[in-house]
Structures are given as C-alpha cells and as structure tokens.
C-alpha cells in the first residue's frame, strides 16, 4: 500500500517539520562511537606557557578597595571582641588596681577606663580602618601602574599552566 506524497511534504512520509524516526549511524562516520584501542588511554596533560603582560589598574583598584573594606570591617569586629574578652576577664580592672597602688595618694585618681573605654577603642579602630582602606587602595593601584611599566620593559611574569 503506497501513499501519495502531498505537495510540500517530505518524501519520507511526514510533513515538513514533522519528526523523523532515528536513523542508525554508520561506523565509519567521524561522530560514531569507536571502541578504545589497546585498553584505556591515559590522558596527556597539556602545558601552556603564558605571560601576564598587563594588569588593568582600574580592576586592581576595585578589587583592592573591596578587600580593604573587608579587612577594615574584620579589624573593627576583632577589636570589639578582643576588648569584650579582656574586660570580661577583668584585665582592665586589675590594671586599674595596680595603677592606683603605684600612684601617690596626693595625686588625682587615675582610671585607665577613661582612656581605653569601649567607645573610644572602637572609634579609634574605625579611624584606623578607614586610613587602612585609603592606603591599601592607593598602594595597590600604584603597584599595578608600576607592574605595567616594568612588564613593558622585561615582558611580564611567565606562567606555566597545566590541565591535570
């Protein structure tokens, strides 16, 4: 029983755009699966030599700024936690007691907590963090410019990469 082929239809039996049944691949074609010859082959690691010829100073500035901000926040948190631990252990009270014993009775009483109170220590830590952010960002950006100048003279850093 033969069917007539309609105009615009494919001769394989389906209309244009209709899915065709899967066909078997020939063994000689490039995409066909081939059995491994001589057992499993060992993968050969490629080695590529590259040179870092230029570093973008704008990218270095952005990255160093973000890392410096993270370091500044970590420094403030670390300072606060360390102060709370020392205060909880009574270190500041002991130091204050030792200073009162050494201090003459005629002088005004001295309290170390007037100078190293929690608010003052955290404020100083924030100021140091802001200065650190500015300096780290500026020095890293300057280092990128200097690297670009030096790499133009000597060719940059040579890297050898492998895909193990």
N, C-alpha and C. Protein backbone atom coordinates (compact mmCIF):
# COMPACT_ATOMS: atom_id res chain seq x y z
N UNK A 1 0.83 -1.15 0.00
CA UNK A 1 0.00 0.00 0.00
C UNK A 1 0.89 1.23 0.00
N UNK A 2 0.77 2.06 -0.95
CA UNK A 2 1.57 3.27 -1.07
C UNK A 2 0.70 4.48 -0.85
N UNK A 3 1.30 5.46 -0.24
CA UNK A 3 0.56 6.70 0.00
C UNK A 3 1.03 7.73 -1.00
N UNK A 4 0.14 8.59 -1.40
CA UNK A 4 0.58 9.67 -2.27
C UNK A 4 1.28 10.74 -1.43
N UNK A 5 2.30 11.35 -2.00
CA UNK A 5 3.05 12.41 -1.33
C UNK A 5 2.38 13.73 -1.65
N UNK A 6 2.00 14.44 -0.57
CA UNK A 6 1.33 15.72 -0.76
C UNK A 6 2.35 16.78 -1.13
N UNK A 7 1.85 17.85 -1.76
CA UNK A 7 2.73 18.93 -2.15
C UNK A 7 3.23 19.64 -0.89
N UNK A 8 4.56 19.86 -0.80
CA UNK A 8 5.16 20.50 0.37
C UNK A 8 5.54 19.49 1.44
N UNK A 9 5.20 18.22 1.25
CA UNK A 9 5.55 17.20 2.23
C UNK A 9 6.85 16.54 1.84
N UNK A 10 7.51 15.94 2.81
CA UNK A 10 8.75 15.25 2.54
C UNK A 10 8.45 13.85 2.03
N UNK A 11 9.31 13.34 1.17
CA UNK A 11 9.06 12.02 0.64
C UNK A 11 9.22 10.92 1.67
N UNK A 12 9.74 11.18 2.86
CA UNK A 12 9.93 10.15 3.87
C UNK A 12 8.64 9.79 4.56
N UNK A 13 7.53 10.43 4.25
CA UNK A 13 6.26 10.05 4.83
C UNK A 13 5.71 11.10 5.77
N UNK A 14 6.50 12.01 6.29
CA UNK A 14 6.00 13.01 7.23
C UNK A 14 5.92 14.36 6.56
N UNK A 15 5.14 15.22 7.12
CA UNK A 15 5.03 16.58 6.59
C UNK A 15 6.29 17.35 6.96
N UNK A 16 6.49 18.48 6.33
CA UNK A 16 7.66 19.31 6.62
C UNK A 16 7.63 19.73 8.08
N UNK A 17 8.74 19.53 8.79
CA UNK A 17 8.81 19.90 10.20
C UNK A 17 8.42 18.78 11.13
N UNK A 18 7.82 17.70 10.64
CA UNK A 18 7.44 16.58 11.49
C UNK A 18 8.70 15.79 11.84
N UNK A 19 8.76 15.20 13.04
CA UNK A 19 9.96 14.46 13.42
C UNK A 19 10.12 13.19 12.60
N UNK A 20 11.35 12.91 12.27
CA UNK A 20 11.68 11.70 11.54
C UNK A 20 12.09 10.62 12.52
N UNK A 21 11.92 9.38 12.15
CA UNK A 21 12.41 8.32 13.02
C UNK A 21 13.94 8.33 13.04
N UNK A 22 14.56 7.96 14.17
CA UNK A 22 16.01 7.99 14.26
C UNK A 22 16.64 6.99 13.31
N UNK A 23 17.76 7.41 12.73
CA UNK A 23 18.48 6.54 11.82
C UNK A 23 19.75 6.07 12.49
N UNK A 24 20.22 4.88 12.12
CA UNK A 24 21.44 4.33 12.68
C UNK A 24 22.62 5.02 12.03
N UNK A 25 23.65 5.27 12.85
CA UNK A 25 24.87 5.87 12.32
C UNK A 25 25.75 4.79 11.74
N UNK A 26 26.45 5.18 10.74
CA UNK A 26 27.41 4.25 10.15
C UNK A 26 28.67 4.27 11.00
N UNK A 27 29.36 3.14 11.09
CA UNK A 27 30.55 3.04 11.91
C UNK A 27 31.71 3.86 11.37
N UNK A 28 31.73 4.16 10.11
CA UNK A 28 32.86 4.87 9.52
C UNK A 28 32.77 6.37 9.65
N UNK A 29 31.65 6.90 10.10
CA UNK A 29 31.49 8.35 10.19
C UNK A 29 32.27 8.91 11.37
N UNK A 30 32.67 10.19 11.28
CA UNK A 30 33.51 10.76 12.33
C UNK A 30 32.83 10.82 13.69
N UNK A 31 31.54 10.99 13.78
CA UNK A 31 30.86 11.12 15.06
C UNK A 31 30.52 9.79 15.69
N UNK A 32 30.77 8.69 15.02
CA UNK A 32 30.38 7.39 15.54
C UNK A 32 31.28 6.99 16.71
N UNK A 33 30.70 6.26 17.66
CA UNK A 33 31.48 5.81 18.81
C UNK A 33 32.40 4.69 18.37
N UNK A 34 33.64 4.78 18.81
CA UNK A 34 34.62 3.76 18.46
C UNK A 34 35.14 3.12 19.73
N UNK A 35 35.39 1.84 19.71
CA UNK A 35 35.96 1.21 20.90
C UNK A 35 37.41 1.66 21.08
N UNK A 36 37.84 1.74 22.33
CA UNK A 36 39.20 2.15 22.63
C UNK A 36 40.17 1.08 22.15
N UNK A 37 41.23 1.53 21.52
CA UNK A 37 42.22 0.59 21.02
C UNK A 37 43.30 0.41 22.06
N UNK A 38 43.62 -0.80 22.35
CA UNK A 38 44.71 -1.10 23.27
C UNK A 38 44.38 -0.75 24.72
N UNK A 39 43.14 -0.86 25.12
CA UNK A 39 42.77 -0.57 26.51
C UNK A 39 42.50 0.91 26.70
N UNK A 40 42.42 1.31 27.96
CA UNK A 40 42.12 2.71 28.28
C UNK A 40 43.35 3.57 28.02
N UNK A 41 43.15 4.68 27.35
CA UNK A 41 44.24 5.61 27.07
C UNK A 41 44.43 6.53 28.27
N UNK A 42 45.65 6.86 28.54
CA UNK A 42 45.94 7.80 29.60
C UNK A 42 45.88 9.21 29.04
N UNK A 43 45.21 10.10 29.76
CA UNK A 43 45.09 11.48 29.30
C UNK A 43 46.45 12.17 29.41
N UNK A 44 46.80 12.90 28.40
CA UNK A 44 48.06 13.63 28.38
C UNK A 44 47.79 15.05 28.87
N UNK A 45 48.51 15.46 29.90
CA UNK A 45 48.34 16.80 30.45
C UNK A 45 49.01 17.82 29.53
N UNK A 46 48.25 18.82 29.15
CA UNK A 46 48.81 19.88 28.31
C UNK A 46 49.46 20.92 29.18
N UNK A 47 50.55 21.48 28.70
CA UNK A 47 51.24 22.56 29.39
C UNK A 47 51.23 23.77 28.47
N UNK A 48 50.81 24.90 29.03
CA UNK A 48 50.73 26.13 28.26
C UNK A 48 51.54 27.20 28.99
N UNK A 49 52.42 27.86 28.27
CA UNK A 49 53.19 28.95 28.84
C UNK A 49 52.51 30.27 28.49
N UNK A 50 52.21 31.05 29.51
CA UNK A 50 51.56 32.35 29.33
C UNK A 50 52.36 33.42 30.06
N UNK A 51 52.18 34.64 29.63
CA UNK A 51 52.83 35.77 30.29
C UNK A 51 51.77 36.79 30.69
N UNK A 52 51.85 37.26 31.92
CA UNK A 52 50.97 38.33 32.37
C UNK A 52 51.65 39.63 31.96
N UNK A 53 51.21 40.16 30.83
CA UNK A 53 51.88 41.32 30.26
C UNK A 53 51.33 42.64 30.79
N UNK A 54 50.07 42.67 31.20
CA UNK A 54 49.47 43.93 31.66
C UNK A 54 48.39 43.63 32.68
N UNK A 55 48.30 44.49 33.68
CA UNK A 55 47.27 44.40 34.71
C UNK A 55 46.47 45.70 34.64
N UNK A 56 45.15 45.59 34.60
CA UNK A 56 44.30 46.76 34.50
C UNK A 56 44.25 47.47 35.85
N UNK A 57 44.76 48.70 35.94
CA UNK A 57 44.79 49.40 37.24
C UNK A 57 43.40 49.65 37.83
N UNK A 58 42.40 49.87 36.98
CA UNK A 58 41.04 50.11 37.48
C UNK A 58 40.51 48.86 38.17
N UNK A 59 40.75 47.70 37.59
CA UNK A 59 40.32 46.44 38.20
C UNK A 59 41.06 46.19 39.51
N UNK A 60 42.34 46.49 39.52
CA UNK A 60 43.13 46.32 40.74
C UNK A 60 42.60 47.25 41.83
N UNK A 61 42.25 48.48 41.46
CA UNK A 61 41.74 49.43 42.44
C UNK A 61 40.42 48.95 43.03
N UNK A 62 39.51 48.47 42.18
CA UNK A 62 38.22 48.00 42.67
C UNK A 62 38.38 46.80 43.60
N UNK A 63 39.20 45.85 43.19
CA UNK A 63 39.39 44.66 44.00
C UNK A 63 40.10 44.98 45.31
N UNK A 64 41.12 45.80 45.27
CA UNK A 64 41.84 46.14 46.50
C UNK A 64 40.96 46.95 47.44
N UNK A 65 40.08 47.79 46.89
CA UNK A 65 39.15 48.53 47.74
C UNK A 65 38.21 47.59 48.47
N UNK A 66 37.65 46.62 47.74
CA UNK A 66 36.73 45.68 48.39
C UNK A 66 37.44 44.83 49.44
N UNK A 67 38.66 44.39 49.14
CA UNK A 67 39.40 43.59 50.12
C UNK A 67 39.79 44.44 51.33
N UNK A 68 40.12 45.70 51.11
CA UNK A 68 40.48 46.58 52.23
C UNK A 68 39.26 46.88 53.10
N UNK A 69 38.10 47.04 52.49
CA UNK A 69 36.87 47.25 53.27
C UNK A 69 36.58 46.02 54.13
N UNK A 70 36.73 44.84 53.52
CA UNK A 70 36.51 43.61 54.28
C UNK A 70 37.51 43.50 55.44
N UNK A 71 38.77 43.85 55.19
CA UNK A 71 39.78 43.81 56.25
C UNK A 71 39.47 44.84 57.33
N UNK A 72 38.98 46.02 56.94
CA UNK A 72 38.63 47.05 57.92
C UNK A 72 37.47 46.62 58.80
N UNK A 73 36.45 46.02 58.20
CA UNK A 73 35.31 45.55 58.98
C UNK A 73 35.75 44.43 59.93
N UNK A 74 36.57 43.53 59.42
CA UNK A 74 37.08 42.44 60.27
C UNK A 74 37.92 42.99 61.41
N UNK A 75 38.70 44.04 61.15
CA UNK A 75 39.52 44.64 62.20
C UNK A 75 38.68 45.28 63.30
N UNK A 76 37.61 45.97 62.91
CA UNK A 76 36.73 46.60 63.91
C UNK A 76 36.04 45.53 64.75
N UNK A 77 35.56 44.48 64.10
CA UNK A 77 34.89 43.41 64.84
C UNK A 77 35.88 42.70 65.76
N UNK A 78 37.08 42.44 65.26
CA UNK A 78 38.10 41.79 66.07
C UNK A 78 38.48 42.64 67.28
N UNK A 79 38.59 43.94 67.08
CA UNK A 79 38.92 44.84 68.19
C UNK A 79 37.82 44.82 69.25
N UNK A 80 36.57 44.87 68.81
CA UNK A 80 35.46 44.84 69.76
C UNK A 80 35.39 43.54 70.53
N UNK A 81 35.58 42.43 69.85
CA UNK A 81 35.53 41.13 70.53
C UNK A 81 36.69 40.99 71.51
N UNK A 82 37.88 41.42 71.10
CA UNK A 82 39.04 41.34 71.98
C UNK A 82 38.85 42.22 73.22
N UNK A 83 38.29 43.41 73.05
CA UNK A 83 38.05 44.29 74.19
C UNK A 83 37.05 43.65 75.15
N UNK A 84 35.97 43.05 74.59
CA UNK A 84 34.97 42.41 75.45
C UNK A 84 35.55 41.22 76.20
N UNK A 85 36.42 40.46 75.56
CA UNK A 85 37.04 39.31 76.23
C UNK A 85 37.95 39.78 77.36
N UNK A 86 38.78 40.80 77.07
CA UNK A 86 39.68 41.32 78.11
C UNK A 86 38.90 41.93 79.27
N UNK A 87 37.83 42.65 78.97
CA UNK A 87 37.01 43.24 80.01
C UNK A 87 36.31 42.16 80.83
N UNK A 88 35.82 41.12 80.18
CA UNK A 88 35.17 40.02 80.88
C UNK A 88 36.12 39.26 81.78
N UNK A 89 37.39 39.19 81.41
CA UNK A 89 38.40 38.51 82.24
C UNK A 89 38.87 39.39 83.39
N UNK A 90 38.51 40.66 83.37
CA UNK A 90 38.89 41.57 84.45
C UNK A 90 40.28 42.15 84.30
N UNK A 91 40.83 42.14 83.10
CA UNK A 91 42.18 42.65 82.88
C UNK A 91 42.23 44.15 83.14
N UNK A 92 41.25 44.89 82.66
CA UNK A 92 41.26 46.34 82.82
C UNK A 92 41.11 46.73 84.29
N UNK A 93 40.29 46.00 85.04
CA UNK A 93 40.11 46.28 86.47
C UNK A 93 41.41 46.00 87.23
N UNK A 94 42.11 44.93 86.85
CA UNK A 94 43.39 44.61 87.50
C UNK A 94 44.44 45.68 87.21
N UNK A 95 44.51 46.11 85.95
CA UNK A 95 45.48 47.16 85.59
C UNK A 95 45.13 48.45 86.33
N UNK A 96 43.86 48.76 86.42
CA UNK A 96 43.43 49.96 87.14
C UNK A 96 43.81 49.87 88.62
N UNK A 97 43.66 48.70 89.23
CA UNK A 97 44.02 48.50 90.63
C UNK A 97 45.52 48.66 90.85
N UNK A 98 46.32 48.11 89.93
CA UNK A 98 47.78 48.23 90.04
C UNK A 98 48.21 49.69 89.92
N UNK A 99 47.58 50.43 89.04
CA UNK A 99 47.93 51.85 88.87
C UNK A 99 47.56 52.64 90.12
N UNK A 100 46.45 52.33 90.76
CA UNK A 100 46.05 53.03 91.99
C UNK A 100 47.03 52.73 93.13
N UNK A 101 47.56 51.51 93.16
CA UNK A 101 48.52 51.15 94.22
C UNK A 101 49.84 51.89 94.02
N UNK A 102 50.24 52.07 92.79
CA UNK A 102 51.51 52.73 92.49
C UNK A 102 51.39 54.24 92.61
N UNK A 103 50.25 54.77 92.35
CA UNK A 103 50.03 56.22 92.32
C UNK A 103 50.09 56.80 93.74
N UNK A 104 50.72 57.96 93.87
CA UNK A 104 50.75 58.59 95.21
C UNK A 104 49.36 59.04 95.63
N UNK A 105 49.14 59.11 96.92
CA UNK A 105 47.82 59.45 97.46
C UNK A 105 47.44 60.90 97.22
N UNK A 106 48.43 61.76 97.01
CA UNK A 106 48.13 63.18 96.84
C UNK A 106 47.65 63.52 95.42
N UNK A 107 47.91 62.68 94.47
CA UNK A 107 47.53 62.96 93.08
C UNK A 107 46.05 62.65 92.86
N UNK A 108 45.53 63.22 91.79
CA UNK A 108 44.14 62.92 91.43
C UNK A 108 44.03 61.45 91.04
N UNK A 109 42.91 60.82 91.35
CA UNK A 109 42.78 59.40 90.99
C UNK A 109 42.79 59.21 89.47
N UNK A 110 43.49 58.17 89.07
CA UNK A 110 43.63 57.88 87.63
C UNK A 110 42.85 56.61 87.31
N UNK A 111 42.09 56.64 86.24
CA UNK A 111 41.36 55.45 85.80
C UNK A 111 41.72 55.16 84.35
N UNK A 112 42.16 53.96 84.12
CA UNK A 112 42.56 53.59 82.76
C UNK A 112 41.35 53.52 81.82
N UNK A 113 40.18 53.30 82.38
CA UNK A 113 38.97 53.19 81.55
C UNK A 113 38.58 54.53 80.92
N UNK A 114 39.12 55.64 81.44
CA UNK A 114 38.89 56.94 80.79
C UNK A 114 39.58 56.99 79.43
N UNK A 115 40.61 56.20 79.26
CA UNK A 115 41.40 56.22 78.02
C UNK A 115 41.13 55.03 77.10
N UNK A 116 40.76 53.90 77.68
CA UNK A 116 40.54 52.71 76.83
C UNK A 116 39.13 52.16 77.03
N UNK A 117 38.16 53.05 77.09
CA UNK A 117 36.77 52.62 77.15
C UNK A 117 36.35 52.00 75.83
N UNK A 118 35.26 51.25 75.85
CA UNK A 118 34.82 50.52 74.65
C UNK A 118 34.55 51.47 73.48
N UNK A 119 33.84 52.55 73.73
CA UNK A 119 33.51 53.50 72.66
C UNK A 119 34.74 54.14 72.05
N UNK A 120 35.69 54.49 72.90
CA UNK A 120 36.92 55.11 72.40
C UNK A 120 37.75 54.12 71.58
N UNK A 121 37.83 52.89 72.04
CA UNK A 121 38.62 51.87 71.33
C UNK A 121 37.99 51.54 69.97
N UNK A 122 36.68 51.42 69.94
CA UNK A 122 36.00 51.13 68.66
C UNK A 122 36.13 52.32 67.70
N UNK A 123 36.01 53.54 68.22
CA UNK A 123 36.17 54.72 67.37
C UNK A 123 37.56 54.78 66.76
N UNK A 124 38.56 54.52 67.57
CA UNK A 124 39.93 54.52 67.07
C UNK A 124 40.14 53.40 66.05
N UNK A 125 39.52 52.27 66.28
CA UNK A 125 39.62 51.15 65.33
C UNK A 125 38.98 51.50 63.99
N UNK A 126 37.87 52.21 64.01
CA UNK A 126 37.22 52.64 62.77
C UNK A 126 38.09 53.63 62.02
N UNK A 127 38.70 54.57 62.74
CA UNK A 127 39.59 55.55 62.10
C UNK A 127 40.78 54.84 61.45
N UNK A 128 41.38 53.90 62.17
CA UNK A 128 42.49 53.14 61.61
C UNK A 128 42.04 52.32 60.39
N UNK A 129 40.83 51.77 60.45
CA UNK A 129 40.30 51.01 59.31
C UNK A 129 40.10 51.88 58.08
N UNK A 130 39.59 53.09 58.26
CA UNK A 130 39.39 53.99 57.12
C UNK A 130 40.72 54.39 56.50
N UNK A 131 41.70 54.72 57.36
CA UNK A 131 43.03 55.05 56.85
C UNK A 131 43.63 53.86 56.11
N UNK A 132 43.43 52.66 56.65
CA UNK A 132 43.92 51.43 56.02
C UNK A 132 43.27 51.22 54.65
N UNK A 133 41.99 51.49 54.54
CA UNK A 133 41.29 51.33 53.25
C UNK A 133 41.89 52.27 52.21
N UNK A 134 42.09 53.53 52.60
CA UNK A 134 42.63 54.51 51.66
C UNK A 134 44.05 54.13 51.24
N UNK A 135 44.89 53.76 52.21
CA UNK A 135 46.28 53.43 51.89
C UNK A 135 46.39 52.15 51.05
N UNK A 136 45.65 51.11 51.43
CA UNK A 136 45.73 49.85 50.67
C UNK A 136 45.27 50.03 49.24
N UNK A 137 44.19 50.79 49.04
CA UNK A 137 43.69 51.02 47.69
C UNK A 137 44.70 51.81 46.87
N UNK A 138 45.25 52.85 47.44
CA UNK A 138 46.22 53.68 46.71
C UNK A 138 47.50 52.91 46.40
N UNK A 139 48.01 52.17 47.36
CA UNK A 139 49.26 51.44 47.14
C UNK A 139 49.06 50.32 46.12
N UNK A 140 47.93 49.63 46.16
CA UNK A 140 47.68 48.56 45.18
C UNK A 140 47.54 49.12 43.77
N UNK A 141 46.86 50.25 43.63
CA UNK A 141 46.71 50.86 42.31
C UNK A 141 48.06 51.34 41.79
N UNK A 142 48.85 51.94 42.65
CA UNK A 142 50.20 52.36 42.26
C UNK A 142 51.06 51.16 41.87
N UNK A 143 50.92 50.07 42.59
CA UNK A 143 51.66 48.85 42.26
C UNK A 143 51.25 48.31 40.88
N UNK A 144 49.97 48.43 40.52
CA UNK A 144 49.53 47.99 39.20
C UNK A 144 50.17 48.83 38.10
N UNK A 145 50.23 50.15 38.31
CA UNK A 145 50.89 51.01 37.33
C UNK A 145 52.37 50.67 37.21
N UNK A 146 53.03 50.46 38.34
CA UNK A 146 54.45 50.11 38.31
C UNK A 146 54.68 48.75 37.65
N UNK A 147 53.78 47.80 37.89
CA UNK A 147 53.91 46.50 37.24
C UNK A 147 53.80 46.64 35.72
N UNK A 148 52.87 47.46 35.26
CA UNK A 148 52.70 47.65 33.82
C UNK A 148 53.95 48.28 33.19
N UNK A 149 54.56 49.20 33.90
CA UNK A 149 55.79 49.82 33.38
C UNK A 149 56.91 48.79 33.33
N UNK A 150 57.07 48.04 34.40
CA UNK A 150 58.14 47.02 34.45
C UNK A 150 57.91 45.89 33.46
N UNK A 151 56.66 45.48 33.29
CA UNK A 151 56.39 44.39 32.35
C UNK A 151 56.60 44.84 30.91
N UNK A 152 56.43 46.12 30.63
CA UNK A 152 56.73 46.62 29.29
C UNK A 152 58.23 46.53 29.01
N UNK A 153 59.04 46.64 30.05
CA UNK A 153 60.48 46.57 29.89
C UNK A 153 61.00 45.14 29.81
N UNK A 154 60.48 44.26 30.66
CA UNK A 154 61.05 42.92 30.75
C UNK A 154 60.11 41.81 30.26
N UNK A 155 58.88 42.11 29.95
CA UNK A 155 57.99 41.11 29.38
C UNK A 155 56.98 40.50 30.32
N UNK A 156 56.96 40.88 31.56
CA UNK A 156 55.93 40.39 32.47
C UNK A 156 56.34 39.10 33.17
N UNK A 157 55.37 38.53 33.89
CA UNK A 157 55.58 37.29 34.65
C UNK A 157 55.22 36.11 33.76
N UNK A 158 56.10 35.13 33.67
CA UNK A 158 55.86 33.94 32.87
C UNK A 158 55.18 32.88 33.74
N UNK A 159 54.06 32.34 33.28
CA UNK A 159 53.33 31.30 33.97
C UNK A 159 53.27 30.05 33.12
N UNK A 160 53.35 28.90 33.74
CA UNK A 160 53.13 27.64 33.03
C UNK A 160 51.90 27.00 33.64
N UNK A 161 50.85 26.82 32.84
CA UNK A 161 49.60 26.24 33.30
C UNK A 161 49.44 24.83 32.74
N UNK A 162 48.90 23.93 33.55
CA UNK A 162 48.64 22.57 33.10
C UNK A 162 47.20 22.22 33.39
N UNK A 163 46.67 21.27 32.67
CA UNK A 163 45.32 20.77 32.93
C UNK A 163 45.41 19.32 33.38
N UNK A 164 45.73 19.15 34.65
CA UNK A 164 45.89 17.80 35.22
C UNK A 164 44.57 17.12 35.36
